[in-house]
Amino acid sequence: MQIIACPTCEQDVQWDMNHLQKLGERWVMACEKCGDPFFSVSEEEKEMILGGIRLTEAYVPDIIHAYHSEDVKNLPSRVGFGEIKKSN
């Protein structure tokens, strides 16, 4: 879930694909504060977005969770890079 500003009332609203509502042929997300729609997609676009979300959740590692599960006390706080070698 993300927070974005409504273009009408400029209030911060939570953006979540689960809040889409069917309005005619489109799926619309309306501002929780003023009620104006600020996001609209077709059925096909909605399925593509949800498919992308599912793929991301399935295949992109949860870096924050992985970091918290590691013993980070012994890791250096600085990162260094070696010499860059020229290749032909």
C-alpha atoms as a PDB file:
ATOM      1  CA  MET A   1       0.000   0.000   0.000  1.00  0.00           C
ATOM      2  CA  GLN A   2       1.298   3.432  -0.930  1.00  0.00           C
ATOM      3  CA  ILE A   3       0.231   6.941  -0.056  1.00  0.00           C
ATOM      4  CA  ILE A   4      -0.293   9.460  -2.859  1.00  0.00           C
ATOM      5  CA  ALA A   5      -1.808  12.928  -3.051  1.00  0.00           C
ATOM      6  CA  CYS A   6      -5.283  13.295  -4.565  1.00  0.00           C
ATOM      7  CA  PRO A   7      -5.063  15.675  -7.558  1.00  0.00           C
ATOM      8  CA  THR A   8      -8.402  17.304  -6.570  1.00  0.00           C
ATOM      9  CA  CYS A   9      -8.165  17.939  -2.834  1.00  0.00           C
ATOM     10  CA  GLU A  10      -4.381  17.357  -2.480  1.00  0.00           C
ATOM     11  CA  GLN A  11      -4.925  15.190   0.592  1.00  0.00           C
ATOM     12  CA  ASP A  12      -2.778  12.104   1.135  1.00  0.00           C
ATOM     13  CA  VAL A  13      -4.751   8.936   0.424  1.00  0.00           C
ATOM     14  CA  GLN A  14      -3.800   5.274   0.599  1.00  0.00           C
ATOM     15  CA  TRP A  15      -3.355   3.676  -2.807  1.00  0.00           C
ATOM     16  CA  ASP A  16      -4.136  -0.028  -2.906  1.00  0.00           C
ATOM     17  CA  MET A  17      -5.292  -2.182  -5.822  1.00  0.00           C
ATOM     18  CA  ASN A  18      -7.750  -3.852  -3.427  1.00  0.00           C
ATOM     19  CA  HIS A  19      -9.684  -0.557  -3.194  1.00  0.00           C
ATOM     20  CA  LEU A  20     -10.670  -0.547  -6.880  1.00  0.00           C
ATOM     21  CA  GLN A  21     -14.406  -0.401  -7.562  1.00  0.00           C
ATOM     22  CA  LYS A  22     -16.168  -1.364 -10.783  1.00  0.00           C
ATOM     23  CA  LEU A  23     -17.721   1.665 -12.478  1.00  0.00           C
ATOM     24  CA  GLY A  24     -19.188   0.784 -15.865  1.00  0.00           C
ATOM     25  CA  GLU A  25     -16.435  -0.733 -17.987  1.00  0.00           C
ATOM     26  CA  ARG A  26     -13.599   0.649 -15.829  1.00  0.00           C
ATOM     27  CA  TRP A  27     -12.112  -0.095 -12.430  1.00  0.00           C
ATOM     28  CA  VAL A  28     -11.836   3.151 -10.471  1.00  0.00           C
ATOM     29  CA  MET A  29     -10.183   4.202  -7.244  1.00  0.00           C
ATOM     30  CA  ALA A  30     -11.727   7.232  -5.578  1.00  0.00           C
ATOM     31  CA  CYS A  31     -10.239   9.569  -2.986  1.00  0.00           C
ATOM     32  CA  GLU A  32     -11.278   8.640   0.551  1.00  0.00           C
ATOM     33  CA  LYS A  33     -11.551  12.344   1.435  1.00  0.00           C
ATOM     34  CA  CYS A  34     -13.365  14.067  -1.468  1.00  0.00           C
ATOM     35  CA  GLY A  35     -14.701  11.061  -3.406  1.00  0.00           C
ATOM     36  CA  ASP A  36     -13.261  12.118  -6.772  1.00  0.00           C
ATOM     37  CA  PRO A  37     -11.814   9.278  -8.875  1.00  0.00           C
ATOM     38  CA  PHE A  38      -8.049   9.614  -9.284  1.00  0.00           C
ATOM     39  CA  PHE A  39      -7.142   6.255 -10.841  1.00  0.00           C
ATOM     40  CA  SER A  40      -8.938   4.326 -13.571  1.00  0.00           C
ATOM     41  CA  VAL A  41      -7.994   1.154 -15.462  1.00  0.00           C
ATOM     42  CA  SER A  42      -9.679  -1.303 -17.795  1.00  0.00           C
ATOM     43  CA  GLU A  43     -10.259  -4.938 -16.807  1.00  0.00           C
ATOM     44  CA  GLU A  44      -7.250  -5.999 -18.887  1.00  0.00           C
ATOM     45  CA  GLU A  45      -4.991  -3.334 -17.352  1.00  0.00           C
ATOM     46  CA  LYS A  46      -6.137  -4.302 -13.854  1.00  0.00           C
ATOM     47  CA  GLU A  47      -5.277  -7.967 -14.475  1.00  0.00           C
ATOM     48  CA  MET A  48      -1.869  -7.015 -15.889  1.00  0.00           C
ATOM     49  CA  ILE A  49      -1.090  -4.889 -12.828  1.00  0.00           C
ATOM     50  CA  LEU A  50      -2.232  -7.607 -10.415  1.00  0.00           C
ATOM     51  CA  GLY A  51      -0.202 -10.189 -12.349  1.00  0.00           C
ATOM     52  CA  GLY A  52       2.877  -7.979 -12.035  1.00  0.00           C
ATOM     53  CA  ILE A  53       2.278  -7.605  -8.304  1.00  0.00           C
ATOM     54  CA  ARG A  54       1.973 -11.387  -7.912  1.00  0.00           C
ATOM     55  CA  LEU A  55       5.197 -11.969  -9.879  1.00  0.00           C
ATOM     56  CA  THR A  56       7.030  -9.367  -7.803  1.00  0.00           C
ATOM     57  CA  GLU A  57       5.834 -10.904  -4.541  1.00  0.00           C
ATOM     58  CA  ALA A  58       6.807 -14.391  -5.725  1.00  0.00           C
ATOM     59  CA  TYR A  59      10.240 -13.705  -7.210  1.00  0.00           C
ATOM     60  CA  VAL A  60      11.711 -10.514  -5.716  1.00  0.00           C
ATOM     61  CA  PRO A  61      13.450 -11.161  -2.414  1.00  0.00           C
ATOM     62  CA  ASP A  62      12.228  -9.388   0.681  1.00  0.00           C
ATOM     63  CA  ILE A  63      15.445  -7.491   1.375  1.00  0.00           C
ATOM     64  CA  ILE A  64      14.236  -5.879   4.600  1.00  0.00           C
ATOM     65  CA  HIS A  65      13.153  -9.220   6.078  1.00  0.00           C
ATOM     66  CA  ALA A  66      16.392 -10.865   4.954  1.00  0.00           C
ATOM     67  CA  TYR A  67      18.454  -8.065   6.521  1.00  0.00           C
ATOM     68  CA  HIS A  68      16.629  -8.361   9.851  1.00  0.00           C
ATOM     69  CA  SER A  69      17.102 -12.122   9.933  1.00  0.00           C
ATOM     70  CA  GLU A  70      20.881 -11.830   9.415  1.00  0.00           C
ATOM     71  CA  ASP A  71      23.457 -11.219  12.105  1.00  0.00           C
ATOM     72  CA  VAL A  72      24.419  -7.706  11.003  1.00  0.00           C
ATOM     73  CA  LYS A  73      26.532  -6.768  14.016  1.00  0.00           C
ATOM     74  CA  ASN A  74      29.698  -8.078  12.363  1.00  0.00           C
ATOM     75  CA  LEU A  75      29.075  -6.533   8.943  1.00  0.00           C
ATOM     76  CA  PRO A  76      31.079  -3.433   7.968  1.00  0.00           C
ATOM     77  CA  SER A  77      29.214  -0.154   7.858  1.00  0.00           C
ATOM     78  CA  ARG A  78      31.194   1.020   4.828  1.00  0.00           C
ATOM     79  CA  VAL A  79      31.340  -0.428   1.357  1.00  0.00           C
ATOM     80  CA  GLY A  80      34.485  -0.239  -0.714  1.00  0.00           C
ATOM     81  CA  PHE A  81      35.123  -0.979  -4.361  1.00  0.00           C
ATOM     82  CA  GLY A  82      38.311  -2.319  -5.850  1.00  0.00           C
ATOM     83  CA  GLU A  83      40.181  -0.923  -8.791  1.00  0.00           C
ATOM     84  CA  ILE A  84      38.193  -0.763 -12.010  1.00  0.00           C
ATOM     85  CA  LYS A  85      39.958  -2.719 -14.695  1.00  0.00           C
ATOM     86  CA  LYS A  86      39.819  -1.684 -18.325  1.00  0.00           C
ATOM     87  CA  SER A  87      38.795  -4.452 -20.726  1.00  0.00           C
ATOM     88  CA  ASN A  88      38.948  -4.646 -24.488  1.00  0.00           C
END
